[in-house]
Amino acid sequence: MVQEHDHEQRNITIVDENGNEQLCEVIHTFDSEDFGKSYVLYSLVGAEEDDEGQIEIFASAFTPSENGEDGELEPIETEAEWDLIEEVLNQLEDQLDEEEE
């Protein structure tokens, strides 16, 4: 079961493998009871669309801090988690398509 979070548009700062800070826009957050984790979907602020009108979306597991403000991003560890994330992304895309009609 997936529990989605309602949130205002917000940004997070991530540090890439080279130690560079990147400002990212949070697209969606949700919890998975199956994996006992929270997840965040995000894209780079100012990311440009590709030839098909898509932007690159990143996903990470998320462990919130005690104050609920910040937290730690963690890599996705299993193929089953990636399958869940793909399913959530497909649902979000379907919702956007319905809203545009």
PDB file of N, CA and C in Angstrom:
ATOM      1  N   MET A   1       0.840  -1.179   0.000  1.00  0.00           N
ATOM      2  CA  MET A   1       0.000   0.000   0.000  1.00  0.00           C
ATOM      3  C   MET A   1       0.885   1.243   0.000  1.00  0.00           C
ATOM      4  N   VAL A   2       0.454   2.250  -0.749  1.00  0.00           N
ATOM      5  CA  VAL A   2       1.202   3.494  -0.878  1.00  0.00           C
ATOM      6  C   VAL A   2       0.378   4.619  -0.273  1.00  0.00           C
ATOM      7  N   GLN A   3       0.998   5.404   0.588  1.00  0.00           N
ATOM      8  CA  GLN A   3       0.347   6.577   1.156  1.00  0.00           C
ATOM      9  C   GLN A   3       1.039   7.802   0.585  1.00  0.00           C
ATOM     10  N   GLU A   4       0.251   8.639  -0.108  1.00  0.00           N
ATOM     11  CA  GLU A   4       0.822   9.820  -0.726  1.00  0.00           C
ATOM     12  C   GLU A   4       0.764  10.983   0.245  1.00  0.00           C
ATOM     13  N   HIS A   5       1.663  11.917   0.067  1.00  0.00           N
ATOM     14  CA  HIS A   5       1.730  13.112   0.906  1.00  0.00           C
ATOM     15  C   HIS A   5       1.266  14.306   0.103  1.00  0.00           C
ATOM     16  N   ASP A   6       0.434  15.126   0.704  1.00  0.00           N
ATOM     17  CA  ASP A   6       0.123  16.418   0.107  1.00  0.00           C
ATOM     18  C   ASP A   6       1.191  17.377   0.601  1.00  0.00           C
ATOM     19  N   HIS A   7       1.729  18.170  -0.295  1.00  0.00           N
ATOM     20  CA  HIS A   7       2.738  19.128   0.127  1.00  0.00           C
ATOM     21  C   HIS A   7       2.703  20.336  -0.789  1.00  0.00           C
ATOM     22  N   GLU A   8       3.104  21.439  -0.249  1.00  0.00           N
ATOM     23  CA  GLU A   8       3.282  22.620  -1.069  1.00  0.00           C
ATOM     24  C   GLU A   8       4.525  22.385  -1.919  1.00  0.00           C
ATOM     25  N   GLN A   9       4.596  23.121  -3.020  1.00  0.00           N
ATOM     26  CA  GLN A   9       5.802  23.003  -3.837  1.00  0.00           C
ATOM     27  C   GLN A   9       6.984  23.439  -2.982  1.00  0.00           C
ATOM     28  N   ARG A  10       8.010  22.614  -2.961  1.00  0.00           N
ATOM     29  CA  ARG A  10       9.180  22.960  -2.167  1.00  0.00           C
ATOM     30  C   ARG A  10      10.430  22.442  -2.864  1.00  0.00           C
ATOM     31  N   ASN A  11      11.529  22.957  -2.414  1.00  0.00           N
ATOM     32  CA  ASN A  11      12.810  22.573  -2.993  1.00  0.00           C
ATOM     33  C   ASN A  11      13.662  21.891  -1.941  1.00  0.00           C
ATOM     34  N   ILE A  12      14.564  21.054  -2.416  1.00  0.00           N
ATOM     35  CA  ILE A  12      15.556  20.425  -1.560  1.00  0.00           C
ATOM     36  C   ILE A  12      16.918  20.635  -2.215  1.00  0.00           C
ATOM     37  N   THR A  13      17.943  20.564  -1.427  1.00  0.00           N
ATOM     38  CA  THR A  13      19.299  20.648  -1.949  1.00  0.00           C
ATOM     39  C   THR A  13      19.942  19.286  -1.785  1.00  0.00           C
ATOM     40  N   ILE A  14      20.466  18.764  -2.872  1.00  0.00           N
ATOM     41  CA  ILE A  14      21.177  17.492  -2.808  1.00  0.00           C
ATOM     42  C   ILE A  14      22.645  17.749  -3.117  1.00  0.00           C
ATOM     43  N   VAL A  15      23.480  16.840  -2.673  1.00  0.00           N
ATOM     44  CA  VAL A  15      24.910  16.915  -2.975  1.00  0.00           C
ATOM     45  C   VAL A  15      25.230  15.740  -3.886  1.00  0.00           C
ATOM     46  N   ASP A  16      25.746  16.047  -5.083  1.00  0.00           N
ATOM     47  CA  ASP A  16      26.045  14.980  -6.032  1.00  0.00           C
ATOM     48  C   ASP A  16      27.343  14.261  -5.668  1.00  0.00           C
ATOM     49  N   GLU A  17      27.698  13.280  -6.487  1.00  0.00           N
ATOM     50  CA  GLU A  17      28.877  12.458  -6.192  1.00  0.00           C
ATOM     51  C   GLU A  17      30.178  13.245  -6.224  1.00  0.00           C
ATOM     52  N   ASN A  18      30.152  14.442  -6.829  1.00  0.00           N
ATOM     53  CA  ASN A  18      31.340  15.284  -6.885  1.00  0.00           C
ATOM     54  C   ASN A  18      31.369  16.339  -5.781  1.00  0.00           C
ATOM     55  N   GLY A  19      30.381  16.294  -4.888  1.00  0.00           N
ATOM     56  CA  GLY A  19      30.326  17.250  -3.795  1.00  0.00           C
ATOM     57  C   GLY A  19      29.660  18.574  -4.156  1.00  0.00           C
ATOM     58  N   ASN A  20      29.081  18.647  -5.355  1.00  0.00           N
ATOM     59  CA  ASN A  20      28.396  19.866  -5.782  1.00  0.00           C
ATOM     60  C   ASN A  20      26.960  19.874  -5.285  1.00  0.00           C
ATOM     61  N   GLU A  21      26.512  21.013  -4.794  1.00  0.00           N
ATOM     62  CA  GLU A  21      25.126  21.138  -4.352  1.00  0.00           C
ATOM     63  C   GLU A  21      24.233  21.429  -5.554  1.00  0.00           C
ATOM     64  N   GLN A  22      23.094  20.753  -5.606  1.00  0.00           N
ATOM     65  CA  GLN A  22      22.131  20.938  -6.682  1.00  0.00           C
ATOM     66  C   GLN A  22      20.774  21.257  -6.058  1.00  0.00           C
ATOM     67  N   LEU A  23      20.129  22.325  -6.499  1.00  0.00           N
ATOM     68  CA  LEU A  23      18.801  22.663  -6.032  1.00  0.00           C
ATOM     69  C   LEU A  23      17.798  21.859  -6.847  1.00  0.00           C
ATOM     70  N   CYS A  24      16.904  21.170  -6.142  1.00  0.00           N
ATOM     71  CA  CYS A  24      15.927  20.307  -6.799  1.00  0.00           C
ATOM     72  C   CYS A  24      14.521  20.647  -6.340  1.00  0.00           C
ATOM     73  N   GLU A  25      13.569  20.429  -7.235  1.00  0.00           N
ATOM     74  CA  GLU A  25      12.161  20.630  -6.923  1.00  0.00           C
ATOM     75  C   GLU A  25      11.551  19.281  -6.559  1.00  0.00           C
ATOM     76  N   VAL A  26      10.876  19.230  -5.417  1.00  0.00           N
ATOM     77  CA  VAL A  26      10.181  18.011  -5.010  1.00  0.00           C
ATOM     78  C   VAL A  26       8.929  17.890  -5.866  1.00  0.00           C
ATOM     79  N   ILE A  27       8.782  16.769  -6.538  1.00  0.00           N
ATOM     80  CA  ILE A  27       7.626  16.520  -7.386  1.00  0.00           C
ATOM     81  C   ILE A  27       6.540  15.792  -6.605  1.00  0.00           C
ATOM     82  N   HIS A  28       6.961  14.796  -5.815  1.00  0.00           N
ATOM     83  CA  HIS A  28       5.984  13.961  -5.112  1.00  0.00           C
ATOM     84  C   HIS A  28       6.688  13.204  -3.995  1.00  0.00           C
ATOM     85  N   THR A  29       5.984  12.996  -2.904  1.00  0.00           N
ATOM     86  CA  THR A  29       6.492  12.144  -1.824  1.00  0.00           C
ATOM     87  C   THR A  29       5.413  11.131  -1.461  1.00  0.00           C
ATOM     88  N   PHE A  30       5.846   9.958  -1.028  1.00  0.00           N
ATOM     89  CA  PHE A  30       4.901   8.921  -0.620  1.00  0.00           C
ATOM     90  C   PHE A  30       5.596   7.926   0.297  1.00  0.00           C
ATOM     91  N   ASP A  31       4.775   7.182   1.054  1.00  0.00           N
ATOM     92  CA  ASP A  31       5.263   6.128   1.940  1.00  0.00           C
ATOM     93  C   ASP A  31       4.850   4.780   1.379  1.00  0.00           C
ATOM     94  N   SER A  32       5.659   3.782   1.614  1.00  0.00           N
ATOM     95  CA  SER A  32       5.326   2.416   1.234  1.00  0.00           C
ATOM     96  C   SER A  32       5.312   1.553   2.491  1.00  0.00           C
ATOM     97  N   GLU A  33       4.157   0.987   2.798  1.00  0.00           N
ATOM     98  CA  GLU A  33       4.081   0.055   3.924  1.00  0.00           C
ATOM     99  C   GLU A  33       4.854  -1.222   3.617  1.00  0.00           C
ATOM    100  N   ASP A  34       4.847  -1.629   2.331  1.00  0.00           N
ATOM    101  CA  ASP A  34       5.541  -2.859   1.943  1.00  0.00           C
ATOM    102  C   ASP A  34       7.030  -2.807   2.257  1.00  0.00           C
ATOM    103  N   PHE A  35       7.642  -1.634   2.036  1.00  0.00           N
ATOM    104  CA  PHE A  35       9.078  -1.487   2.255  1.00  0.00           C
ATOM    105  C   PHE A  35       9.402  -0.758   3.549  1.00  0.00           C
ATOM    106  N   GLY A  36       8.388  -0.178   4.189  1.00  0.00           N
ATOM    107  CA  GLY A  36       8.617   0.560   5.434  1.00  0.00           C
ATOM    108  C   GLY A  36       9.481   1.785   5.238  1.00  0.00           C
ATOM    109  N   LYS A  37       9.316   2.436   4.081  1.00  0.00           N
ATOM    110  CA  LYS A  37      10.149   3.592   3.755  1.00  0.00           C
ATOM    111  C   LYS A  37       9.295   4.713   3.186  1.00  0.00           C
ATOM    112  N   SER A  38       9.848   5.917   3.242  1.00  0.00           N
ATOM    113  CA  SER A  38       9.296   7.063   2.548  1.00  0.00           C
ATOM    114  C   SER A  38      10.155   7.303   1.314  1.00  0.00           C
ATOM    115  N   TYR A  39       9.523   7.845   0.271  1.00  0.00           N
ATOM    116  CA  TYR A  39      10.228   8.108  -0.979  1.00  0.00           C
ATOM    117  C   TYR A  39       9.955   9.533  -1.436  1.00  0.00           C
ATOM    118  N   VAL A  40      10.907  10.088  -2.151  1.00  0.00           N
ATOM    119  CA  VAL A  40      10.750  11.422  -2.725  1.00  0.00           C
ATOM    120  C   VAL A  40      11.147  11.352  -4.195  1.00  0.00           C
ATOM    121  N   LEU A  41      10.316  11.976  -5.055  1.00  0.00           N
ATOM    122  CA  LEU A  41      10.601  12.106  -6.475  1.00  0.00           C
ATOM    123  C   LEU A  41      10.932  13.563  -6.715  1.00  0.00           C
ATOM    124  N   TYR A  42      12.006  13.839  -7.437  1.00  0.00           N
ATOM    125  CA  TYR A  42      12.442  15.218  -7.613  1.00  0.00           C
ATOM    126  C   TYR A  42      13.163  15.408  -8.937  1.00  0.00           C
ATOM    127  N   SER A  43      13.249  16.661  -9.361  1.00  0.00           N
ATOM    128  CA  SER A  43      13.981  17.009 -10.579  1.00  0.00           C
ATOM    129  C   SER A  43      14.835  18.233 -10.294  1.00  0.00           C
ATOM    130  N   LEU A  44      15.842  18.437 -11.106  1.00  0.00           N
ATOM    131  CA  LEU A  44      16.705  19.608 -10.940  1.00  0.00           C
ATOM    132  C   LEU A  44      15.911  20.871 -11.265  1.00  0.00           C
ATOM    133  N   VAL A  45      16.044  21.898 -10.436  1.00  0.00           N
ATOM    134  CA  VAL A  45      15.402  23.176 -10.721  1.00  0.00           C
ATOM    135  C   VAL A  45      15.999  23.724 -12.009  1.00  0.00           C
ATOM    136  N   GLY A  46      15.145  24.127 -12.925  1.00  0.00           N
ATOM    137  CA  GLY A  46      15.610  24.657 -14.202  1.00  0.00           C
ATOM    138  C   GLY A  46      15.942  23.596 -15.230  1.00  0.00           C
ATOM    139  N   ALA A  47      15.607  22.332 -14.940  1.00  0.00           N
ATOM    140  CA  ALA A  47      15.893  21.253 -15.888  1.00  0.00           C
ATOM    141  C   ALA A  47      15.136  21.506 -17.184  1.00  0.00           C
ATOM    142  N   GLU A  48      15.783  21.232 -18.284  1.00  0.00           N
ATOM    143  CA  GLU A  48      15.154  21.425 -19.584  1.00  0.00           C
ATOM    144  C   GLU A  48      14.545  20.123 -20.063  1.00  0.00           C
ATOM    145  N   GLU A  49      13.436  20.266 -20.795  1.00  0.00           N
ATOM    146  CA  GLU A  49      12.758  19.099 -21.342  1.00  0.00           C
ATOM    147  C   GLU A  49      13.584  18.507 -22.480  1.00  0.00           C
ATOM    148  N   ASP A  50      13.470  17.185 -22.652  1.00  0.00           N
ATOM    149  CA  ASP A  50      14.135  16.536 -23.774  1.00  0.00           C
ATOM    150  C   ASP A  50      13.267  16.686 -25.023  1.00  0.00           C
ATOM    151  N   ASP A  51      13.633  15.993 -26.101  1.00  0.00           N
ATOM    152  CA  ASP A  51      12.903  16.095 -27.366  1.00  0.00           C
ATOM    153  C   ASP A  51      11.452  15.642 -27.254  1.00  0.00           C
ATOM    154  N   GLU A  52      11.149  14.824 -26.253  1.00  0.00           N
ATOM    155  CA  GLU A  52       9.791  14.314 -26.072  1.00  0.00           C
ATOM    156  C   GLU A  52       9.016  15.104 -25.026  1.00  0.00           C
ATOM    157  N   GLY A  53       9.579  16.217 -24.562  1.00  0.00           N
ATOM    158  CA  GLY A  53       8.889  17.049 -23.588  1.00  0.00           C
ATOM    159  C   GLY A  53       8.971  16.531 -22.164  1.00  0.00           C
ATOM    160  N   GLN A  54       9.920  15.660 -21.897  1.00  0.00           N
ATOM    161  CA  GLN A  54      10.084  15.059 -20.579  1.00  0.00           C
ATOM    162  C   GLN A  54      11.285  15.669 -19.860  1.00  0.00           C
ATOM    163  N   ILE A  55      11.225  15.679 -18.519  1.00  0.00           N
ATOM    164  CA  ILE A  55      12.385  16.060 -17.726  1.00  0.00           C
ATOM    165  C   ILE A  55      12.860  14.847 -16.963  1.00  0.00           C
ATOM    166  N   GLU A  56      14.126  14.855 -16.607  1.00  0.00           N
ATOM    167  CA  GLU A  56      14.676  13.734 -15.854  1.00  0.00           C
ATOM    168  C   GLU A  56      14.189  13.823 -14.414  1.00  0.00           C
ATOM    169  N   ILE A  57      13.633  12.709 -13.926  1.00  0.00           N
ATOM    170  CA  ILE A  57      13.126  12.638 -12.555  1.00  0.00           C
ATOM    171  C   ILE A  57      13.996  11.663 -11.778  1.00  0.00           C
ATOM    172  N   PHE A  58      14.385  12.071 -10.587  1.00  0.00           N
ATOM    173  CA  PHE A  58      15.200  11.247  -9.705  1.00  0.00           C
ATOM    174  C   PHE A  58      14.332  10.736  -8.565  1.00  0.00           C
ATOM    175  N   ALA A  59      14.740   9.640  -7.970  1.00  0.00           N
ATOM    176  CA  ALA A  59      14.005   9.073  -6.847  1.00  0.00           C
ATOM    177  C   ALA A  59      14.991   8.625  -5.785  1.00  0.00           C
ATOM    178  N   SER A  60      14.589   8.822  -4.535  1.00  0.00           N
ATOM    179  CA  SER A  60      15.403   8.379  -3.406  1.00  0.00           C
ATOM    180  C   SER A  60      14.482   7.940  -2.288  1.00  0.00           C
ATOM    181  N   ALA A  61      14.986   7.018  -1.475  1.00  0.00           N
ATOM    182  CA  ALA A  61      14.314   6.741  -0.216  1.00  0.00           C
ATOM    183  C   ALA A  61      14.628   7.932   0.680  1.00  0.00           C
ATOM    184  N   PHE A  62      13.772   8.192   1.645  1.00  0.00           N
ATOM    185  CA  PHE A  62      13.910   9.383   2.464  1.00  0.00           C
ATOM    186  C   PHE A  62      13.673   9.022   3.920  1.00  0.00           C
ATOM    187  N   THR A  63      14.592   9.407   4.768  1.00  0.00           N
ATOM    188  CA  THR A  63      14.431   9.249   6.206  1.00  0.00           C
ATOM    189  C   THR A  63      14.312  10.637   6.809  1.00  0.00           C
ATOM    190  N   PRO A  64      13.090  11.009   7.249  1.00  0.00           N
ATOM    191  CA  PRO A  64      12.933  12.356   7.809  1.00  0.00           C
ATOM    192  C   PRO A  64      13.675  12.504   9.128  1.00  0.00           C
ATOM    193  N   SER A  65      14.061  13.740   9.419  1.00  0.00           N
ATOM    194  CA  SER A  65      14.696  14.007  10.708  1.00  0.00           C
ATOM    195  C   SER A  65      13.607  14.064  11.780  1.00  0.00           C
ATOM    196  N   GLU A  66      14.024  14.148  13.008  1.00  0.00           N
ATOM    197  CA  GLU A  66      13.071  14.153  14.115  1.00  0.00           C
ATOM    198  C   GLU A  66      12.147  15.362  14.068  1.00  0.00           C
ATOM    199  N   ASN A  67      12.633  16.493  13.559  1.00  0.00           N
ATOM    200  CA  ASN A  67      11.792  17.684  13.496  1.00  0.00           C
ATOM    201  C   ASN A  67      10.909  17.707  12.251  1.00  0.00           C
ATOM    202  N   GLY A  68      11.091  16.730  11.363  1.00  0.00           N
ATOM    203  CA  GLY A  68      10.272  16.629  10.170  1.00  0.00           C
ATOM    204  C   GLY A  68      10.627  17.627   9.083  1.00  0.00           C
ATOM    205  N   GLU A  69      11.640  18.436   9.289  1.00  0.00           N
ATOM    206  CA  GLU A  69      12.009  19.468   8.331  1.00  0.00           C
ATOM    207  C   GLU A  69      13.016  18.949   7.304  1.00  0.00           C
ATOM    208  N   ASP A  70      14.093  18.400   7.783  1.00  0.00           N
ATOM    209  CA  ASP A  70      15.148  17.898   6.905  1.00  0.00           C
ATOM    210  C   ASP A  70      15.166  16.385   7.008  1.00  0.00           C
ATOM    211  N   GLY A  71      16.127  15.791   6.376  1.00  0.00           N
ATOM    212  CA  GLY A  71      16.267  14.353   6.468  1.00  0.00           C
ATOM    213  C   GLY A  71      17.399  13.884   5.580  1.00  0.00           C
ATOM    214  N   GLU A  72      17.513  12.583   5.477  1.00  0.00           N
ATOM    215  CA  GLU A  72      18.579  11.978   4.687  1.00  0.00           C
ATOM    216  C   GLU A  72      17.996  11.255   3.480  1.00  0.00           C
ATOM    217  N   LEU A  73      18.556  11.530   2.304  1.00  0.00           N
ATOM    218  CA  LEU A  73      18.199  10.785   1.106  1.00  0.00           C
ATOM    219  C   LEU A  73      19.080   9.548   1.039  1.00  0.00           C
ATOM    220  N   GLU A  74      18.469   8.447   0.632  1.00  0.00           N
ATOM    221  CA  GLU A  74      19.186   7.178   0.543  1.00  0.00           C
ATOM    222  C   GLU A  74      18.918   6.564  -0.819  1.00  0.00           C
ATOM    223  N   PRO A  75      19.849   5.802  -1.344  1.00  0.00           N
ATOM    224  CA  PRO A  75      19.634   5.198  -2.656  1.00  0.00           C
ATOM    225  C   PRO A  75      18.534   4.139  -2.621  1.00  0.00           C
ATOM    226  N   ILE A  76      17.896   3.946  -3.767  1.00  0.00           N
ATOM    227  CA  ILE A  76      16.920   2.873  -3.927  1.00  0.00           C
ATOM    228  C   ILE A  76      17.723   1.579  -4.017  1.00  0.00           C
ATOM    229  N   GLU A  77      17.333   0.585  -3.224  1.00  0.00           N
ATOM    230  CA  GLU A  77      18.185  -0.597  -3.071  1.00  0.00           C
ATOM    231  C   GLU A  77      17.768  -1.824  -3.871  1.00  0.00           C
ATOM    232  N   THR A  78      16.487  -1.926  -4.232  1.00  0.00           N
ATOM    233  CA  THR A  78      16.046  -3.165  -4.874  1.00  0.00           C
ATOM    234  C   THR A  78      15.254  -2.887  -6.141  1.00  0.00           C
ATOM    235  N   GLU A  79      15.191  -3.894  -6.986  1.00  0.00           N
ATOM    236  CA  GLU A  79      14.400  -3.807  -8.208  1.00  0.00           C
ATOM    237  C   GLU A  79      12.915  -3.659  -7.871  1.00  0.00           C
ATOM    238  N   ALA A  80      12.475  -4.278  -6.782  1.00  0.00           N
ATOM    239  CA  ALA A  80      11.071  -4.167  -6.370  1.00  0.00           C
ATOM    240  C   ALA A  80      10.728  -2.717  -6.002  1.00  0.00           C
ATOM    241  N   GLU A  81      11.664  -2.016  -5.363  1.00  0.00           N
ATOM    242  CA  GLU A  81      11.431  -0.608  -5.049  1.00  0.00           C
ATOM    243  C   GLU A  81      11.339   0.216  -6.325  1.00  0.00           C
ATOM    244  N   TRP A  82      12.215  -0.061  -7.295  1.00  0.00           N
ATOM    245  CA  TRP A  82      12.151   0.664  -8.566  1.00  0.00           C
ATOM    246  C   TRP A  82      10.827   0.401  -9.268  1.00  0.00           C
ATOM    247  N   ASP A  83      10.329  -0.833  -9.187  1.00  0.00           N
ATOM    248  CA  ASP A  83       9.033  -1.155  -9.789  1.00  0.00           C
ATOM    249  C   ASP A  83       7.923  -0.326  -9.147  1.00  0.00           C
ATOM    250  N   LEU A  84       7.968  -0.181  -7.818  1.00  0.00           N
ATOM    251  CA  LEU A  84       6.979   0.628  -7.107  1.00  0.00           C
ATOM    252  C   LEU A  84       7.068   2.082  -7.566  1.00  0.00           C
ATOM    253  N   ILE A  85       8.265   2.615  -7.657  1.00  0.00           N
ATOM    254  CA  ILE A  85       8.455   4.008  -8.068  1.00  0.00           C
ATOM    255  C   ILE A  85       7.940   4.213  -9.486  1.00  0.00           C
ATOM    256  N   GLU A  86       8.207   3.266 -10.367  1.00  0.00           N
ATOM    257  CA  GLU A  86       7.710   3.365 -11.745  1.00  0.00           C
ATOM    258  C   GLU A  86       6.179   3.366 -11.764  1.00  0.00           C
ATOM    259  N   GLU A  87       5.575   2.540 -10.931  1.00  0.00           N
ATOM    260  CA  GLU A  87       4.117   2.494 -10.846  1.00  0.00           C
ATOM    261  C   GLU A  87       3.554   3.839 -10.368  1.00  0.00           C
ATOM    262  N   VAL A  88       4.173   4.424  -9.353  1.00  0.00           N
ATOM    263  CA  VAL A  88       3.726   5.722  -8.843  1.00  0.00           C
ATOM    264  C   VAL A  88       3.897   6.797  -9.916  1.00  0.00           C
ATOM    265  N   LEU A  89       5.022   6.788 -10.615  1.00  0.00           N
ATOM    266  CA  LEU A  89       5.239   7.763 -11.693  1.00  0.00           C
ATOM    267  C   LEU A  89       4.177   7.623 -12.787  1.00  0.00           C
ATOM    268  N   ASN A  90       3.839   6.391 -13.138  1.00  0.00           N
ATOM    269  CA  ASN A  90       2.812   6.176 -14.152  1.00  0.00           C
ATOM    270  C   ASN A  90       1.460   6.708 -13.684  1.00  0.00           C
ATOM    271  N   GLN A  91       1.138   6.524 -12.399  1.00  0.00           N
ATOM    272  CA  GLN A  91      -0.116   7.042 -11.853  1.00  0.00           C
ATOM    273  C   GLN A  91      -0.124   8.569 -11.896  1.00  0.00           C
ATOM    274  N   LEU A  92       0.994   9.184 -11.550  1.00  0.00           N
ATOM    275  CA  LEU A  92       1.087  10.647 -11.596  1.00  0.00           C
ATOM    276  C   LEU A  92       0.912  11.156 -13.019  1.00  0.00           C
ATOM    277  N   GLU A  93       1.530  10.473 -13.979  1.00  0.00           N
ATOM    278  CA  GLU A  93       1.405  10.875 -15.371  1.00  0.00           C
ATOM    279  C   GLU A  93      -0.044  10.747 -15.836  1.00  0.00           C
ATOM    280  N   ASP A  94      -0.713   9.665 -15.441  1.00  0.00           N
ATOM    281  CA  ASP A  94      -2.124   9.495 -15.789  1.00  0.00           C
ATOM    282  C   ASP A  94      -2.983  10.604 -15.213  1.00  0.00           C
ATOM    283  N   GLN A  95      -2.706  10.993 -13.962  1.00  0.00           N
ATOM    284  CA  GLN A  95      -3.452  12.083 -13.326  1.00  0.00           C
ATOM    285  C   GLN A  95      -3.241  13.389 -14.081  1.00  0.00           C
ATOM    286  N   LEU A  96      -2.009  13.667 -14.482  1.00  0.00           N
ATOM    287  CA  LEU A  96      -1.719  14.887 -15.226  1.00  0.00           C
ATOM    288  C   LEU A  96      -2.427  14.892 -16.573  1.00  0.00           C
ATOM    289  N   ASP A  97      -2.437  13.740 -17.233  1.00  0.00           N
ATOM    290  CA  ASP A  97      -3.113  13.631 -18.536  1.00  0.00           C
ATOM    291  C   ASP A  97      -4.613  13.907 -18.379  1.00  0.00           C
ATOM    292  N   GLU A  98      -5.227  13.378 -17.303  1.00  0.00           N
ATOM    293  CA  GLU A  98      -6.644  13.588 -17.057  1.00  0.00           C
ATOM    294  C   GLU A  98      -6.942  15.050 -16.782  1.00  0.00           C
ATOM    295  N   GLU A  99      -6.054  15.722 -16.040  1.00  0.00           N
ATOM    296  CA  GLU A  99      -6.249  17.122 -15.721  1.00  0.00           C
ATOM    297  C   GLU A  99      -6.150  18.008 -16.955  1.00  0.00           C
ATOM    298  N   GLU A 100      -5.339  17.606 -17.914  1.00  0.00           N
ATOM    299  CA  GLU A 100      -5.143  18.396 -19.132  1.00  0.00           C
ATOM    300  C   GLU A 100      -6.299  18.258 -20.101  1.00  0.00           C
ATOM    301  N   GLU A 101      -7.103  17.199 -19.959  1.00  0.00           N
ATOM    302  CA  GLU A 101      -8.210  16.964 -20.898  1.00  0.00           C
ATOM    303  C   GLU A 101      -9.396  17.850 -20.609  1.00  0.00           C
TER     304      GLU A 101
END
